[in-house]
Amino acid sequence: MLIVKGVNFFPRPVEQLLMKMPGVGSNYQIIIQESQGVKSLRINVEAEEGVTGYAVEKALKEGLGFSLQGDVFPIGHPASSGGKGTEGIL
């Protein structure tokens, strides 16, 4: 569990929400960033053409109650192949 901007955060709900979205692939990265002691999260998601970052961010905000910003990459793109948990990434 992490506390992000005063909200308890568990990575599992992110995965559950992503897997419900049509066109979203199975690889994603949750990136923890900290600036002046405040943690924020970014997410990189692999998805089929037509899936937008806006759609992913909207679905996650509705499901989690707070915003995650991030990027969408084509399935198999090197930026998305890090999987679920590399280099300090959840």
PDB file of N, CA and C in Angstrom:
ATOM      1  N   MET A   1       0.847  -1.182   0.000  1.00  0.00           N
ATOM      2  CA  MET A   1       0.000   0.000   0.000  1.00  0.00           C
ATOM      3  C   MET A   1       0.888   1.240   0.000  1.00  0.00           C
ATOM      4  N   LEU A   2       0.462   2.248  -0.725  1.00  0.00           N
ATOM      5  CA  LEU A   2       1.113   3.548  -0.753  1.00  0.00           C
ATOM      6  C   LEU A   2       0.096   4.607  -0.367  1.00  0.00           C
ATOM      7  N   ILE A   3       0.587   5.701   0.147  1.00  0.00           N
ATOM      8  CA  ILE A   3      -0.281   6.851   0.380  1.00  0.00           C
ATOM      9  C   ILE A   3       0.119   7.902  -0.637  1.00  0.00           C
ATOM     10  N   VAL A   4      -0.815   8.234  -1.519  1.00  0.00           N
ATOM     11  CA  VAL A   4      -0.561   9.179  -2.596  1.00  0.00           C
ATOM     12  C   VAL A   4      -1.540  10.325  -2.466  1.00  0.00           C
ATOM     13  N   LYS A   5      -0.996  11.513  -2.202  1.00  0.00           N
ATOM     14  CA  LYS A   5      -1.827  12.708  -2.031  1.00  0.00           C
ATOM     15  C   LYS A   5      -2.932  12.468  -1.005  1.00  0.00           C
ATOM     16  N   GLY A   6      -2.584  11.772   0.077  1.00  0.00           N
ATOM     17  CA  GLY A   6      -3.522  11.526   1.162  1.00  0.00           C
ATOM     18  C   GLY A   6      -4.489  10.379   0.928  1.00  0.00           C
ATOM     19  N   VAL A   7      -4.343   9.661  -0.184  1.00  0.00           N
ATOM     20  CA  VAL A   7      -5.241   8.557  -0.511  1.00  0.00           C
ATOM     21  C   VAL A   7      -4.469   7.244  -0.418  1.00  0.00           C
ATOM     22  N   ASN A   8      -5.034   6.263   0.293  1.00  0.00           N
ATOM     23  CA  ASN A   8      -4.419   4.931   0.333  1.00  0.00           C
ATOM     24  C   ASN A   8      -4.554   4.304  -1.045  1.00  0.00           C
ATOM     25  N   PHE A   9      -3.459   3.797  -1.559  1.00  0.00           N
ATOM     26  CA  PHE A   9      -3.436   3.273  -2.913  1.00  0.00           C
ATOM     27  C   PHE A   9      -2.880   1.858  -2.937  1.00  0.00           C
ATOM     28  N   PHE A  10      -3.634   0.962  -3.548  1.00  0.00           N
ATOM     29  CA  PHE A  10      -3.208  -0.415  -3.769  1.00  0.00           C
ATOM     30  C   PHE A  10      -3.123  -0.625  -5.285  1.00  0.00           C
ATOM     31  N   PRO A  11      -2.045  -1.215  -5.800  1.00  0.00           N
ATOM     32  CA  PRO A  11      -1.916  -1.426  -7.248  1.00  0.00           C
ATOM     33  C   PRO A  11      -2.953  -2.379  -7.847  1.00  0.00           C
ATOM     34  N   ARG A  12      -3.438  -3.336  -7.096  1.00  0.00           N
ATOM     35  CA  ARG A  12      -4.351  -4.354  -7.627  1.00  0.00           C
ATOM     36  C   ARG A  12      -5.603  -3.764  -8.294  1.00  0.00           C
ATOM     37  N   PRO A  13      -6.267  -2.769  -7.701  1.00  0.00           N
ATOM     38  CA  PRO A  13      -7.450  -2.200  -8.369  1.00  0.00           C
ATOM     39  C   PRO A  13      -7.138  -1.588  -9.739  1.00  0.00           C
ATOM     40  N   VAL A  14      -5.919  -1.051  -9.909  1.00  0.00           N
ATOM     41  CA  VAL A  14      -5.540  -0.505 -11.212  1.00  0.00           C
ATOM     42  C   VAL A  14      -5.568  -1.621 -12.249  1.00  0.00           C
ATOM     43  N   GLU A  15      -4.948  -2.744 -11.907  1.00  0.00           N
ATOM     44  CA  GLU A  15      -4.931  -3.878 -12.831  1.00  0.00           C
ATOM     45  C   GLU A  15      -6.347  -4.353 -13.156  1.00  0.00           C
ATOM     46  N   GLN A  16      -7.184  -4.447 -12.146  1.00  0.00           N
ATOM     47  CA  GLN A  16      -8.550  -4.904 -12.368  1.00  0.00           C
ATOM     48  C   GLN A  16      -9.302  -3.966 -13.321  1.00  0.00           C
ATOM     49  N   LEU A  17      -9.134  -2.666 -13.149  1.00  0.00           N
ATOM     50  CA  LEU A  17      -9.800  -1.705 -14.025  1.00  0.00           C
ATOM     51  C   LEU A  17      -9.251  -1.776 -15.447  1.00  0.00           C
ATOM     52  N   LEU A  18      -7.931  -1.886 -15.583  1.00  0.00           N
ATOM     53  CA  LEU A  18      -7.329  -1.956 -16.913  1.00  0.00           C
ATOM     54  C   LEU A  18      -7.775  -3.198 -17.669  1.00  0.00           C
ATOM     55  N   MET A  19      -7.858  -4.317 -16.976  1.00  0.00           N
ATOM     56  CA  MET A  19      -8.216  -5.568 -17.640  1.00  0.00           C
ATOM     57  C   MET A  19      -9.674  -5.594 -18.100  1.00  0.00           C
ATOM     58  N   LYS A  20     -10.497  -4.705 -17.557  1.00  0.00           N
ATOM     59  CA  LYS A  20     -11.891  -4.593 -17.991  1.00  0.00           C
ATOM     60  C   LYS A  20     -12.039  -3.740 -19.247  1.00  0.00           C
ATOM     61  N   MET A  21     -11.005  -2.962 -19.579  1.00  0.00           N
ATOM     62  CA  MET A  21     -11.086  -2.045 -20.712  1.00  0.00           C
ATOM     63  C   MET A  21     -10.804  -2.770 -22.026  1.00  0.00           C
ATOM     64  N   PRO A  22     -11.716  -2.693 -22.991  1.00  0.00           N
ATOM     65  CA  PRO A  22     -11.472  -3.306 -24.296  1.00  0.00           C
ATOM     66  C   PRO A  22     -10.248  -2.689 -24.963  1.00  0.00           C
ATOM     67  N   GLY A  23      -9.378  -3.529 -25.504  1.00  0.00           N
ATOM     68  CA  GLY A  23      -8.215  -3.060 -26.247  1.00  0.00           C
ATOM     69  C   GLY A  23      -6.967  -2.834 -25.432  1.00  0.00           C
ATOM     70  N   VAL A  24      -7.076  -2.879 -24.113  1.00  0.00           N
ATOM     71  CA  VAL A  24      -5.902  -2.669 -23.264  1.00  0.00           C
ATOM     72  C   VAL A  24      -5.173  -4.000 -23.110  1.00  0.00           C
ATOM     73  N   GLY A  25      -3.853  -3.958 -23.299  1.00  0.00           N
ATOM     74  CA  GLY A  25      -3.032  -5.159 -23.178  1.00  0.00           C
ATOM     75  C   GLY A  25      -2.745  -5.511 -21.728  1.00  0.00           C
ATOM     76  N   SER A  26      -1.989  -6.563 -21.539  1.00  0.00           N
ATOM     77  CA  SER A  26      -1.736  -7.058 -20.180  1.00  0.00           C
ATOM     78  C   SER A  26      -0.529  -6.422 -19.504  1.00  0.00           C
ATOM     79  N   ASN A  27       0.287  -5.680 -20.234  1.00  0.00           N
ATOM     80  CA  ASN A  27       1.454  -5.039 -19.611  1.00  0.00           C
ATOM     81  C   ASN A  27       1.180  -3.580 -19.304  1.00  0.00           C
ATOM     82  N   TYR A  28       1.600  -3.177 -18.143  1.00  0.00           N
ATOM     83  CA  TYR A  28       1.475  -1.783 -17.736  1.00  0.00           C
ATOM     84  C   TYR A  28       2.550  -1.495 -16.701  1.00  0.00           C
ATOM     85  N   GLN A  29       2.814  -0.229 -16.475  1.00  0.00           N
ATOM     86  CA  GLN A  29       3.765   0.192 -15.463  1.00  0.00           C
ATOM     87  C   GLN A  29       3.113   1.278 -14.615  1.00  0.00           C
ATOM     88  N   ILE A  30       3.265   1.155 -13.314  1.00  0.00           N
ATOM     89  CA  ILE A  30       2.841   2.214 -12.402  1.00  0.00           C
ATOM     90  C   ILE A  30       4.125   2.847 -11.892  1.00  0.00           C
ATOM     91  N   ILE A  31       4.299   4.119 -12.164  1.00  0.00           N
ATOM     92  CA  ILE A  31       5.539   4.821 -11.848  1.00  0.00           C
ATOM     93  C   ILE A  31       5.281   5.787 -10.709  1.00  0.00           C
ATOM     94  N   ILE A  32       6.068   5.657  -9.649  1.00  0.00           N
ATOM     95  CA  ILE A  32       5.942   6.540  -8.491  1.00  0.00           C
ATOM     96  C   ILE A  32       6.909   7.699  -8.668  1.00  0.00           C
ATOM     97  N   GLN A  33       6.394   8.913  -8.588  1.00  0.00           N
ATOM     98  CA  GLN A  33       7.225  10.105  -8.669  1.00  0.00           C
ATOM     99  C   GLN A  33       7.041  10.890  -7.376  1.00  0.00           C
ATOM    100  N   GLU A  34       8.111  11.475  -6.894  1.00  0.00           N
ATOM    101  CA  GLU A  34       8.024  12.268  -5.673  1.00  0.00           C
ATOM    102  C   GLU A  34       8.674  13.617  -5.908  1.00  0.00           C
ATOM    103  N   SER A  35       7.957  14.667  -5.541  1.00  0.00           N
ATOM    104  CA  SER A  35       8.458  16.021  -5.664  1.00  0.00           C
ATOM    105  C   SER A  35       8.141  16.764  -4.372  1.00  0.00           C
ATOM    106  N   GLN A  36       9.150  17.240  -3.707  1.00  0.00           N
ATOM    107  CA  GLN A  36       9.013  17.988  -2.455  1.00  0.00           C
ATOM    108  C   GLN A  36       8.191  17.202  -1.440  1.00  0.00           C
ATOM    109  N   GLY A  37       8.439  15.893  -1.370  1.00  0.00           N
ATOM    110  CA  GLY A  37       7.796  15.047  -0.380  1.00  0.00           C
ATOM    111  C   GLY A  37       6.390  14.585  -0.734  1.00  0.00           C
ATOM    112  N   VAL A  38       5.884  14.985  -1.894  1.00  0.00           N
ATOM    113  CA  VAL A  38       4.543  14.588  -2.312  1.00  0.00           C
ATOM    114  C   VAL A  38       4.662  13.544  -3.417  1.00  0.00           C
ATOM    115  N   LYS A  39       4.050  12.374  -3.203  1.00  0.00           N
ATOM    116  CA  LYS A  39       4.091  11.304  -4.198  1.00  0.00           C
ATOM    117  C   LYS A  39       2.954  11.461  -5.188  1.00  0.00           C
ATOM    118  N   SER A  40       3.276  11.192  -6.439  1.00  0.00           N
ATOM    119  CA  SER A  40       2.253  11.130  -7.472  1.00  0.00           C
ATOM    120  C   SER A  40       2.532   9.887  -8.312  1.00  0.00           C
ATOM    121  N   LEU A  41       1.540   9.481  -9.060  1.00  0.00           N
ATOM    122  CA  LEU A  41       1.657   8.266  -9.858  1.00  0.00           C
ATOM    123  C   LEU A  41       1.448   8.578 -11.324  1.00  0.00           C
ATOM    124  N   ARG A  42       2.167   7.855 -12.151  1.00  0.00           N
ATOM    125  CA  ARG A  42       1.962   7.845 -13.600  1.00  0.00           C
ATOM    126  C   ARG A  42       1.768   6.404 -14.006  1.00  0.00           C
ATOM    127  N   ILE A  43       1.112   6.196 -15.117  1.00  0.00           N
ATOM    128  CA  ILE A  43       0.902   4.839 -15.594  1.00  0.00           C
ATOM    129  C   ILE A  43       1.191   4.775 -17.093  1.00  0.00           C
ATOM    130  N   ASN A  44       1.931   3.776 -17.488  1.00  0.00           N
ATOM    131  CA  ASN A  44       2.150   3.456 -18.893  1.00  0.00           C
ATOM    132  C   ASN A  44       1.372   2.182 -19.179  1.00  0.00           C
ATOM    133  N   VAL A  45       0.604   2.206 -20.246  1.00  0.00           N
ATOM    134  CA  VAL A  45      -0.273   1.086 -20.583  1.00  0.00           C
ATOM    135  C   VAL A  45      -0.029   0.707 -22.038  1.00  0.00           C
ATOM    136  N   GLU A  46      -0.027  -0.601 -22.321  1.00  0.00           N
ATOM    137  CA  GLU A  46       0.000  -1.006 -23.717  1.00  0.00           C
ATOM    138  C   GLU A  46      -1.435  -1.272 -24.151  1.00  0.00           C
ATOM    139  N   ALA A  47      -1.749  -0.829 -25.374  1.00  0.00           N
ATOM    140  CA  ALA A  47      -3.123  -0.985 -25.851  1.00  0.00           C
ATOM    141  C   ALA A  47      -3.153  -1.004 -27.369  1.00  0.00           C
ATOM    142  N   GLU A  48      -4.250  -1.518 -27.880  1.00  0.00           N
ATOM    143  CA  GLU A  48      -4.472  -1.554 -29.319  1.00  0.00           C
ATOM    144  C   GLU A  48      -4.728  -0.141 -29.835  1.00  0.00           C
ATOM    145  N   GLU A  49      -4.556   0.026 -31.127  1.00  0.00           N
ATOM    146  CA  GLU A  49      -4.811   1.312 -31.752  1.00  0.00           C
ATOM    147  C   GLU A  49      -6.249   1.740 -31.477  1.00  0.00           C
ATOM    148  N   GLY A  50      -6.429   3.004 -31.189  1.00  0.00           N
ATOM    149  CA  GLY A  50      -7.759   3.526 -30.905  1.00  0.00           C
ATOM    150  C   GLY A  50      -8.016   3.750 -29.423  1.00  0.00           C
ATOM    151  N   VAL A  51      -7.240   3.100 -28.563  1.00  0.00           N
ATOM    152  CA  VAL A  51      -7.371   3.335 -27.120  1.00  0.00           C
ATOM    153  C   VAL A  51      -6.550   4.583 -26.798  1.00  0.00           C
ATOM    154  N   THR A  52      -7.179   5.565 -26.193  1.00  0.00           N
ATOM    155  CA  THR A  52      -6.501   6.829 -25.914  1.00  0.00           C
ATOM    156  C   THR A  52      -6.107   6.949 -24.444  1.00  0.00           C
ATOM    157  N   GLY A  53      -5.126   7.783 -24.206  1.00  0.00           N
ATOM    158  CA  GLY A  53      -4.725   8.069 -22.833  1.00  0.00           C
ATOM    159  C   GLY A  53      -5.865   8.675 -22.046  1.00  0.00           C
ATOM    160  N   TYR A  54      -6.659   9.518 -22.711  1.00  0.00           N
ATOM    161  CA  TYR A  54      -7.805  10.130 -22.046  1.00  0.00           C
ATOM    162  C   TYR A  54      -8.787   9.070 -21.553  1.00  0.00           C
ATOM    163  N   ALA A  55      -9.068   8.070 -22.396  1.00  0.00           N
ATOM    164  CA  ALA A  55     -10.014   7.016 -22.013  1.00  0.00           C
ATOM    165  C   ALA A  55      -9.490   6.215 -20.824  1.00  0.00           C
ATOM    166  N   VAL A  56      -8.203   5.922 -20.835  1.00  0.00           N
ATOM    167  CA  VAL A  56      -7.598   5.180 -19.726  1.00  0.00           C
ATOM    168  C   VAL A  56      -7.643   6.008 -18.448  1.00  0.00           C
ATOM    169  N   GLU A  57      -7.225   7.271 -18.537  1.00  0.00           N
ATOM    170  CA  GLU A  57      -7.238   8.150 -17.361  1.00  0.00           C
ATOM    171  C   GLU A  57      -8.649   8.307 -16.805  1.00  0.00           C
ATOM    172  N   LYS A  58      -9.630   8.464 -17.682  1.00  0.00           N
ATOM    173  CA  LYS A  58     -11.021   8.629 -17.244  1.00  0.00           C
ATOM    174  C   LYS A  58     -11.514   7.378 -16.515  1.00  0.00           C
ATOM    175  N   ALA A  59     -11.254   6.201 -17.076  1.00  0.00           N
ATOM    176  CA  ALA A  59     -11.692   4.950 -16.452  1.00  0.00           C
ATOM    177  C   ALA A  59     -11.035   4.764 -15.085  1.00  0.00           C
ATOM    178  N   LEU A  60      -9.754   5.083 -14.996  1.00  0.00           N
ATOM    179  CA  LEU A  60      -9.053   4.932 -13.718  1.00  0.00           C
ATOM    180  C   LEU A  60      -9.561   5.949 -12.696  1.00  0.00           C
ATOM    181  N   LYS A  61      -9.817   7.179 -13.133  1.00  0.00           N
ATOM    182  CA  LYS A  61     -10.329   8.190 -12.202  1.00  0.00           C
ATOM    183  C   LYS A  61     -11.698   7.795 -11.667  1.00  0.00           C
ATOM    184  N   GLU A  62     -12.562   7.301 -12.549  1.00  0.00           N
ATOM    185  CA  GLU A  62     -13.895   6.877 -12.115  1.00  0.00           C
ATOM    186  C   GLU A  62     -13.816   5.696 -11.153  1.00  0.00           C
ATOM    187  N   GLY A  63     -12.899   4.780 -11.405  1.00  0.00           N
ATOM    188  CA  GLY A  63     -12.787   3.583 -10.573  1.00  0.00           C
ATOM    189  C   GLY A  63     -12.024   3.772  -9.285  1.00  0.00           C
ATOM    190  N   LEU A  64     -11.025   4.673  -9.308  1.00  0.00           N
ATOM    191  CA  LEU A  64     -10.165   4.863  -8.139  1.00  0.00           C
ATOM    192  C   LEU A  64     -10.533   6.078  -7.300  1.00  0.00           C
ATOM    193  N   GLY A  65     -11.146   7.063  -7.930  1.00  0.00           N
ATOM    194  CA  GLY A  65     -11.491   8.281  -7.209  1.00  0.00           C
ATOM    195  C   GLY A  65     -10.406   9.342  -7.248  1.00  0.00           C
ATOM    196  N   PHE A  66      -9.317   9.097  -7.978  1.00  0.00           N
ATOM    197  CA  PHE A  66      -8.297  10.117  -8.184  1.00  0.00           C
ATOM    198  C   PHE A  66      -7.635   9.875  -9.537  1.00  0.00           C
ATOM    199  N   SER A  67      -6.948  10.900 -10.032  1.00  0.00           N
ATOM    200  CA  SER A  67      -6.387  10.846 -11.377  1.00  0.00           C
ATOM    201  C   SER A  67      -5.003  10.222 -11.411  1.00  0.00           C
ATOM    202  N   LEU A  68      -4.764   9.444 -12.436  1.00  0.00           N
ATOM    203  CA  LEU A  68      -3.440   8.938 -12.782  1.00  0.00           C
ATOM    204  C   LEU A  68      -3.156   9.416 -14.192  1.00  0.00           C
ATOM    205  N   GLN A  69      -2.055  10.082 -14.401  1.00  0.00           N
ATOM    206  CA  GLN A  69      -1.682  10.470 -15.750  1.00  0.00           C
ATOM    207  C   GLN A  69      -0.711   9.458 -16.303  1.00  0.00           C
ATOM    208  N   GLY A  70      -0.666   9.342 -17.600  1.00  0.00           N
ATOM    209  CA  GLY A  70       0.250   8.392 -18.189  1.00  0.00           C
ATOM    210  C   GLY A  70       0.202   8.388 -19.690  1.00  0.00           C
ATOM    211  N   ASP A  71       0.786   7.336 -20.252  1.00  0.00           N
ATOM    212  CA  ASP A  71       0.887   7.219 -21.696  1.00  0.00           C
ATOM    213  C   ASP A  71       0.390   5.862 -22.150  1.00  0.00           C
ATOM    214  N   VAL A  72      -0.079   5.811 -23.389  1.00  0.00           N
ATOM    215  CA  VAL A  72      -0.517   4.568 -24.010  1.00  0.00           C
ATOM    216  C   VAL A  72       0.479   4.234 -25.113  1.00  0.00           C
ATOM    217  N   PHE A  73       0.949   3.002 -25.125  1.00  0.00           N
ATOM    218  CA  PHE A  73       1.901   2.526 -26.119  1.00  0.00           C
ATOM    219  C   PHE A  73       1.289   1.368 -26.897  1.00  0.00           C
ATOM    220  N   PRO A  74       1.739   1.184 -28.143  1.00  0.00           N
ATOM    221  CA  PRO A  74       1.261   0.024 -28.906  1.00  0.00           C
ATOM    222  C   PRO A  74       1.674  -1.278 -28.214  1.00  0.00           C
ATOM    223  N   ILE A  75       0.874  -2.301 -28.364  1.00  0.00           N
ATOM    224  CA  ILE A  75       1.192  -3.595 -27.764  1.00  0.00           C
ATOM    225  C   ILE A  75       2.525  -4.074 -28.324  1.00  0.00           C
ATOM    226  N   GLY A  76       3.415  -4.472 -27.420  1.00  0.00           N
ATOM    227  CA  GLY A  76       4.744  -4.929 -27.793  1.00  0.00           C
ATOM    228  C   GLY A  76       5.784  -3.829 -27.886  1.00  0.00           C
ATOM    229  N   HIS A  77       5.394  -2.578 -27.694  1.00  0.00           N
ATOM    230  CA  HIS A  77       6.334  -1.459 -27.741  1.00  0.00           C
ATOM    231  C   HIS A  77       7.318  -1.591 -26.586  1.00  0.00           C
ATOM    232  N   PRO A  78       8.594  -1.318 -26.811  1.00  0.00           N
ATOM    233  CA  PRO A  78       9.597  -1.484 -25.748  1.00  0.00           C
ATOM    234  C   PRO A  78       9.283  -0.728 -24.454  1.00  0.00           C
ATOM    235  N   ALA A  79       8.655   0.434 -24.551  1.00  0.00           N
ATOM    236  CA  ALA A  79       8.343   1.196 -23.334  1.00  0.00           C
ATOM    237  C   ALA A  79       7.308   0.505 -22.473  1.00  0.00           C
ATOM    238  N   SER A  80       6.534  -0.393 -23.062  1.00  0.00           N
ATOM    239  CA  SER A  80       5.507  -1.075 -22.280  1.00  0.00           C
ATOM    240  C   SER A  80       5.913  -2.488 -21.888  1.00  0.00           C
ATOM    241  N   SER A  81       7.078  -2.938 -22.324  1.00  0.00           N
ATOM    242  CA  SER A  81       7.443  -4.331 -22.089  1.00  0.00           C
ATOM    243  C   SER A  81       8.131  -4.559 -20.756  1.00  0.00           C
ATOM    244  N   GLY A  82       8.261  -3.514 -19.941  1.00  0.00           N
ATOM    245  CA  GLY A  82       8.888  -3.679 -18.634  1.00  0.00           C
ATOM    246  C   GLY A  82       8.066  -4.524 -17.701  1.00  0.00           C
ATOM    247  N   GLY A  83       6.815  -4.741 -18.018  1.00  0.00           N
ATOM    248  CA  GLY A  83       5.977  -5.601 -17.213  1.00  0.00           C
ATOM    249  C   GLY A  83       5.421  -4.890 -15.993  1.00  0.00           C
ATOM    250  N   LYS A  84       5.090  -5.687 -14.994  1.00  0.00           N
ATOM    251  CA  LYS A  84       4.432  -5.167 -13.802  1.00  0.00           C
ATOM    252  C   LYS A  84       5.410  -5.203 -12.651  1.00  0.00           C
ATOM    253  N   GLY A  85       6.412  -4.355 -12.658  1.00  0.00           N
ATOM    254  CA  GLY A  85       7.239  -4.285 -11.481  1.00  0.00           C
ATOM    255  C   GLY A  85       8.729  -4.235 -11.737  1.00  0.00           C
ATOM    256  N   THR A  86       9.203  -3.271 -12.522  1.00  0.00           N
ATOM    257  CA  THR A  86      10.638  -3.160 -12.754  1.00  0.00           C
ATOM    258  C   THR A  86      11.142  -1.778 -12.381  1.00  0.00           C
ATOM    259  N   GLU A  87      12.417  -1.681 -12.130  1.00  0.00           N
ATOM    260  CA  GLU A  87      13.141  -0.451 -11.814  1.00  0.00           C
ATOM    261  C   GLU A  87      12.370   0.518 -10.942  1.00  0.00           C
ATOM    262  N   GLY A  88      11.938   0.095  -9.790  1.00  0.00           N
ATOM    263  CA  GLY A  88      11.232   0.968  -8.875  1.00  0.00           C
ATOM    264  C   GLY A  88       9.820   1.287  -9.313  1.00  0.00           C
ATOM    265  N   ILE A  89       9.392   0.588 -10.298  1.00  0.00           N
ATOM    266  CA  ILE A  89       8.047   0.771 -10.827  1.00  0.00           C
ATOM    267  C   ILE A  89       7.183  -0.345 -10.271  1.00  0.00           C
ATOM    268  N   LEU A  90       5.985  -0.027  -9.850  1.00  0.00           N
ATOM    269  CA  LEU A  90       5.091  -1.057  -9.329  1.00  0.00           C
ATOM    270  C   LEU A  90       4.557  -1.903 -10.448  1.00  0.00           C
TER     271      LEU A  90
END
